[in-house]
Amino acid sequence: MSKVSFVKYSGNGNDFIIFREGLTLNPELIVRLCHRHFGIGADGVMILGTSTKADARMRIFNADGSEAEMCGNGLRCLATYFDYTRTDKKDSYLIETMHAVYPVFRKGQSFALEMSEIKEKNLFDLSEFKTYPKSFYINTGVPHLVFLVQDVKSIDVKKEGSFYRFHPLFPKGTNVTFVEIKNEHSKSAYARTYERGVEDETYSCGTGLTATALALSYWLGWSADLKLHTKGGDHVVSLGEKVFYSGEVVRCFEGEVEL
């Protein structure tokens, strides 16, 4: 068996194992690496590679071994790591994902992400979901269904989220976020997300929080900086002519793993 170097980063509790380009991964190996008890433990695995159209390229694999289109927290983590490896550091980079190129901008010790891939806004008639007063669907790089709830801490996110994640209305599946408004004056809310591919609640989800901010803007007319809180900490989604997502990034540890 060969040993391969890796580094682990966390974006507000959404954690990822990062390898450099050149490593061949298969779903079984990804599942083992992400296992919390028998592996390194993570919500996903990323490959930092070269790009012909950007400064770097990101491939992201969920904990179940499936490849995702993109990941907001993952991209912020990868950009922070990419910057760490460079001697010629810049205040902004372009990162290529499966279907788009995302600009990132230095903000404190990490990077804010311009959410340049927002589409299919309110694509479906969600009136059939009577359980919650308001529902909203949008694709922020990956699909998200957002529900407004009265008491987000009482929600069984794994049970409720998995039901909607596999709903026939979404043939390719969807991520599901539940949000409770905390303070309308300060534009703050608390969100919890069930992530497709992780198949469980994660501590935070960047694309999910972006979807949540856009849902709150649609429902309540919120704009500018929205303060969104999760199990993993505090985030800001800035709504204007462009949409930016920012939060904390932590370099957890690095090491070698036998493959």
Protein backbone atom coordinates (compact mmCIF):
# COMPACT_ATOMS: atom_id res chain seq x y z
CA MET A 1 0.00 0.00 0.00
CA SER A 2 1.12 3.56 -0.72
CA LYS A 3 0.90 6.56 1.57
CA VAL A 4 -0.63 9.78 0.27
CA SER A 5 -0.50 13.21 1.91
CA PHE A 6 -3.71 15.04 2.71
CA VAL A 7 -4.91 18.09 4.61
CA LYS A 8 -8.24 18.52 6.38
CA TYR A 9 -10.13 21.82 6.47
CA SER A 10 -13.42 22.88 8.04
CA GLY A 11 -15.75 25.62 6.85
CA ASN A 12 -17.94 26.37 9.88
CA GLY A 13 -18.00 22.68 10.78
CA ASN A 14 -18.53 21.44 7.22
CA ASP A 15 -15.31 19.41 6.95
CA PHE A 16 -13.32 18.14 3.99
CA ILE A 17 -10.27 16.02 3.16
CA ILE A 18 -8.18 17.65 0.43
CA PHE A 19 -5.76 15.83 -1.88
CA ARG A 20 -3.62 17.21 -4.68
CA GLU A 21 -4.24 16.29 -8.31
CA GLY A 22 -3.00 12.92 -9.54
CA LEU A 23 -4.84 10.68 -7.09
CA THR A 24 -7.42 8.22 -8.41
CA LEU A 25 -10.42 7.83 -6.13
CA ASN A 26 -13.33 5.41 -6.25
CA PRO A 27 -16.63 5.57 -4.31
CA GLU A 28 -15.66 2.77 -1.91
CA LEU A 29 -12.42 4.53 -0.98
CA ILE A 30 -14.17 7.88 -0.51
CA VAL A 31 -16.74 6.31 1.82
CA ARG A 32 -13.92 4.75 3.87
CA LEU A 33 -11.94 7.99 4.08
CA CYS A 34 -15.00 9.98 5.20
CA HIS A 35 -16.11 7.45 7.83
CA ARG A 36 -16.10 9.09 11.28
CA HIS A 37 -14.87 5.96 13.07
CA PHE A 38 -12.88 3.93 10.54
CA GLY A 39 -11.43 6.71 8.39
CA ILE A 40 -10.20 10.29 8.60
CA GLY A 41 -13.78 11.53 8.97
CA ALA A 42 -15.35 14.23 6.78
CA ASP A 43 -18.42 15.40 4.91
CA GLY A 44 -16.54 15.09 1.65
CA VAL A 45 -13.29 14.69 -0.26
CA MET A 46 -11.85 17.31 -2.60
CA ILE A 47 -9.17 17.23 -5.28
CA LEU A 48 -7.19 20.43 -5.87
CA GLY A 49 -6.12 20.44 -9.50
CA THR A 50 -4.94 22.66 -12.33
CA SER A 51 -7.27 24.50 -14.69
CA THR A 52 -6.97 25.96 -18.18
CA LYS A 53 -9.61 28.61 -17.46
CA ALA A 54 -9.01 29.51 -13.78
CA ASP A 55 -6.30 29.61 -11.09
CA ALA A 56 -7.28 26.15 -9.84
CA ARG A 57 -9.89 23.43 -10.22
CA MET A 58 -11.98 21.75 -7.55
CA ARG A 59 -13.55 18.32 -7.70
CA ILE A 60 -15.80 17.50 -4.76
CA PHE A 61 -17.05 14.06 -3.69
CA ASN A 62 -19.74 13.53 -1.07
CA ALA A 63 -19.30 11.19 1.86
CA ASP A 64 -21.38 8.54 0.04
CA GLY A 65 -18.86 8.49 -2.82
CA SER A 66 -20.93 10.48 -5.33
CA GLU A 67 -19.44 13.47 -7.11
CA ALA A 68 -21.18 16.83 -6.53
CA GLU A 69 -21.42 19.79 -8.88
CA MET A 70 -19.92 22.16 -6.32
CA CYS A 71 -19.89 22.98 -2.60
CA GLY A 72 -19.82 26.46 -1.06
CA ASN A 73 -17.94 25.66 2.13
CA GLY A 74 -15.73 23.21 0.27
CA LEU A 75 -14.79 25.85 -2.26
CA ARG A 76 -13.92 28.35 0.49
CA CYS A 77 -11.77 25.70 2.18
CA LEU A 78 -10.06 24.73 -1.06
CA ALA A 79 -9.35 28.39 -1.91
CA THR A 80 -7.84 28.94 1.53
CA TYR A 81 -5.62 25.87 1.14
CA PHE A 82 -4.67 26.84 -2.42
CA ASP A 83 -3.61 30.29 -1.18
CA TYR A 84 -1.64 28.67 1.68
CA THR A 85 0.42 26.64 -0.82
CA ARG A 86 1.36 29.64 -2.97
CA THR A 87 4.29 32.02 -2.63
CA ASP A 88 2.72 34.54 -5.03
CA LYS A 89 -0.47 35.15 -3.04
CA LYS A 90 -3.30 37.22 -4.48
CA ASP A 91 -6.37 38.89 -3.00
CA SER A 92 -8.67 37.03 -5.37
CA TYR A 93 -8.69 33.79 -7.33
CA LEU A 94 -10.86 31.99 -9.85
CA ILE A 95 -11.78 28.39 -9.01
CA GLU A 96 -13.24 26.06 -11.64
CA THR A 97 -15.96 23.58 -10.61
CA MET A 98 -17.91 21.00 -12.61
CA HIS A 99 -20.08 23.53 -14.45
CA ALA A 100 -18.81 27.01 -13.59
CA VAL A 101 -15.95 29.26 -12.51
CA TYR A 102 -16.29 30.93 -9.10
CA PRO A 103 -14.46 34.10 -8.01
CA VAL A 104 -13.23 34.15 -4.39
CA PHE A 105 -11.97 37.21 -2.51
CA ARG A 106 -9.72 37.41 0.51
CA LYS A 107 -11.67 38.21 3.66
CA GLY A 108 -9.77 37.96 6.95
CA GLN A 109 -8.14 34.55 7.29
CA SER A 110 -10.25 32.93 4.56
CA PHE A 111 -12.15 33.83 1.39
CA ALA A 112 -15.59 35.12 0.52
CA LEU A 113 -17.24 33.36 -2.38
CA GLU A 114 -19.18 35.03 -5.19
CA MET A 115 -22.14 32.74 -5.85
CA SER A 116 -22.06 33.01 -9.63
CA GLU A 117 -24.20 29.95 -10.40
CA ILE A 118 -27.77 30.69 -9.30
CA LYS A 119 -30.59 29.32 -11.45
CA GLU A 120 -34.00 27.63 -11.53
CA LYS A 121 -35.36 30.07 -8.97
CA ASN A 122 -38.73 28.92 -7.61
CA LEU A 123 -38.81 26.32 -10.39
CA PHE A 124 -41.52 24.14 -8.89
CA ASP A 125 -44.99 24.80 -7.55
CA LEU A 126 -44.41 23.81 -3.92
CA SER A 127 -47.97 24.37 -2.75
CA GLU A 128 -48.35 20.65 -2.05
CA PHE A 129 -45.97 20.96 0.93
CA LYS A 130 -48.58 22.06 3.48
CA THR A 131 -46.51 21.05 6.52
CA TYR A 132 -44.66 24.37 6.56
CA PRO A 133 -46.01 27.89 5.91
CA LYS A 134 -43.49 28.77 3.20
CA SER A 135 -41.33 26.72 0.83
CA PHE A 136 -38.83 27.76 -1.84
CA TYR A 137 -36.67 25.95 -4.38
CA ILE A 138 -33.52 27.25 -6.04
CA ASN A 139 -30.32 25.91 -7.56
CA THR A 140 -27.27 27.66 -6.11
CA GLY A 141 -24.81 25.36 -7.84
CA VAL A 142 -26.63 22.37 -6.37
CA PRO A 143 -30.41 22.08 -5.79
CA HIS A 144 -31.92 23.32 -2.53
CA LEU A 145 -35.39 23.19 -1.03
CA VAL A 146 -35.90 25.68 1.81
CA PHE A 147 -38.69 25.59 4.40
CA LEU A 148 -39.62 28.35 6.85
CA VAL A 149 -40.32 26.85 10.31
CA GLN A 150 -41.32 28.15 13.73
CA ASP A 151 -38.88 26.16 15.85
CA VAL A 152 -35.91 24.89 13.87
CA LYS A 153 -34.27 23.17 16.85
CA SER A 154 -37.26 20.85 17.24
CA ILE A 155 -37.07 19.56 13.66
CA ASP A 156 -35.86 16.00 13.09
CA VAL A 157 -33.64 17.13 10.22
CA LYS A 158 -32.47 13.67 9.19
CA LYS A 159 -36.00 12.25 9.06
CA GLU A 160 -37.73 15.27 7.53
CA GLY A 161 -34.87 16.11 5.20
CA SER A 162 -34.56 12.59 3.79
CA PHE A 163 -38.28 12.55 2.98
CA TYR A 164 -38.07 15.64 0.79
CA ARG A 165 -34.60 14.79 -0.52
CA PHE A 166 -36.08 11.69 -2.20
CA HIS A 167 -39.45 13.27 -3.11
CA PRO A 168 -40.61 12.36 -6.66
CA LEU A 169 -40.74 16.08 -7.49
CA PHE A 170 -36.93 16.05 -7.44
CA PRO A 171 -35.78 13.15 -9.66
CA LYS A 172 -32.08 13.97 -9.05
CA GLY A 173 -32.65 14.63 -5.36
CA THR A 174 -32.30 17.88 -3.47
CA ASN A 175 -30.68 19.32 -0.38
CA VAL A 176 -33.17 20.49 2.25
CA THR A 177 -32.82 23.43 4.63
CA PHE A 178 -35.08 24.45 7.50
CA VAL A 179 -34.85 28.07 8.64
CA GLU A 180 -36.26 29.99 11.59
CA ILE A 181 -36.29 33.79 11.66
CA LYS A 182 -34.55 35.06 14.79
CA ASN A 183 -34.71 38.84 14.34
CA GLU A 184 -36.33 40.63 11.40
CA HIS A 185 -34.79 43.99 12.31
CA SER A 186 -31.22 42.67 12.24
CA LYS A 187 -32.00 40.24 9.39
CA SER A 188 -30.80 37.19 11.28
CA ALA A 189 -31.97 33.59 11.08
CA TYR A 190 -30.96 30.07 12.18
CA ALA A 191 -30.72 27.32 9.57
CA ARG A 192 -30.20 23.56 9.56
CA THR A 193 -29.46 21.59 6.39
CA TYR A 194 -29.84 17.98 5.29
CA GLU A 195 -27.21 17.42 2.60
CA ARG A 196 -27.72 15.16 -0.37
CA GLY A 197 -24.72 12.82 -0.64
CA VAL A 198 -23.90 13.09 3.06
CA GLU A 199 -27.45 11.85 3.75
CA ASP A 200 -27.54 13.55 7.11
CA GLU A 201 -27.49 16.97 8.72
CA THR A 202 -24.20 18.84 8.42
CA TYR A 203 -22.93 21.60 10.70
CA SER A 204 -23.32 24.12 7.87
CA CYS A 205 -23.87 24.27 4.12
CA GLY A 206 -22.74 27.21 2.02
CA THR A 207 -24.98 26.62 -0.98
CA GLY A 208 -27.83 25.93 1.45
CA LEU A 209 -27.29 29.20 3.32
CA THR A 210 -27.17 31.07 0.02
CA ALA A 211 -30.47 29.44 -0.93
CA THR A 212 -31.82 30.36 2.50
CA ALA A 213 -30.81 34.01 2.09
CA LEU A 214 -32.48 34.16 -1.32
CA ALA A 215 -35.61 32.53 0.12
CA LEU A 216 -35.73 35.11 2.93
CA SER A 217 -35.28 37.87 0.36
CA TYR A 218 -38.15 36.42 -1.68
CA TRP A 219 -40.44 36.01 1.32
CA LEU A 220 -39.56 39.09 3.39
CA GLY A 221 -37.71 41.43 1.06
CA TRP A 222 -34.44 41.15 2.98
CA SER A 223 -31.33 42.51 1.25
CA ALA A 224 -27.72 43.56 1.96
CA ASP A 225 -26.01 41.50 4.70
CA LEU A 226 -28.01 38.61 6.17
CA LYS A 227 -26.66 37.01 9.35
CA LEU A 228 -27.24 33.28 9.24
CA HIS A 229 -26.41 30.99 12.15
CA THR A 230 -25.84 27.22 12.10
CA LYS A 231 -24.48 24.53 14.41
CA GLY A 232 -21.06 25.33 12.94
CA GLY A 233 -21.12 29.05 13.64
CA ASP A 234 -21.97 32.38 12.04
CA HIS A 235 -22.15 33.22 8.34
CA VAL A 236 -22.94 36.25 6.21
CA VAL A 237 -24.70 36.18 2.86
CA SER A 238 -24.56 39.56 1.12
CA LEU A 239 -27.40 40.18 -1.33
CA GLY A 240 -27.11 42.88 -3.94
CA GLU A 241 -26.28 43.04 -7.61
CA LYS A 242 -24.13 39.99 -6.84
CA VAL A 243 -24.40 37.40 -4.06
CA PHE A 244 -21.48 36.69 -1.71
CA TYR A 245 -21.12 34.02 0.96
CA SER A 246 -18.56 34.14 3.77
CA GLY A 247 -17.78 32.37 7.03
CA GLU A 248 -14.98 30.84 9.07
CA VAL A 249 -12.39 28.42 7.68
CA VAL A 250 -10.13 26.33 9.94
CA ARG A 251 -7.14 24.22 8.95
CA CYS A 252 -7.72 21.15 11.13
CA PHE A 253 -4.65 18.96 10.50
CA GLU A 254 -2.56 17.30 7.84
CA GLY A 255 -1.13 13.81 7.55
CA GLU A 256 -0.66 10.72 5.44
CA VAL A 257 -3.11 7.94 4.74
CA GLU A 258 -2.50 4.45 3.37
CA LEU A 259 -4.49 3.69 0.23
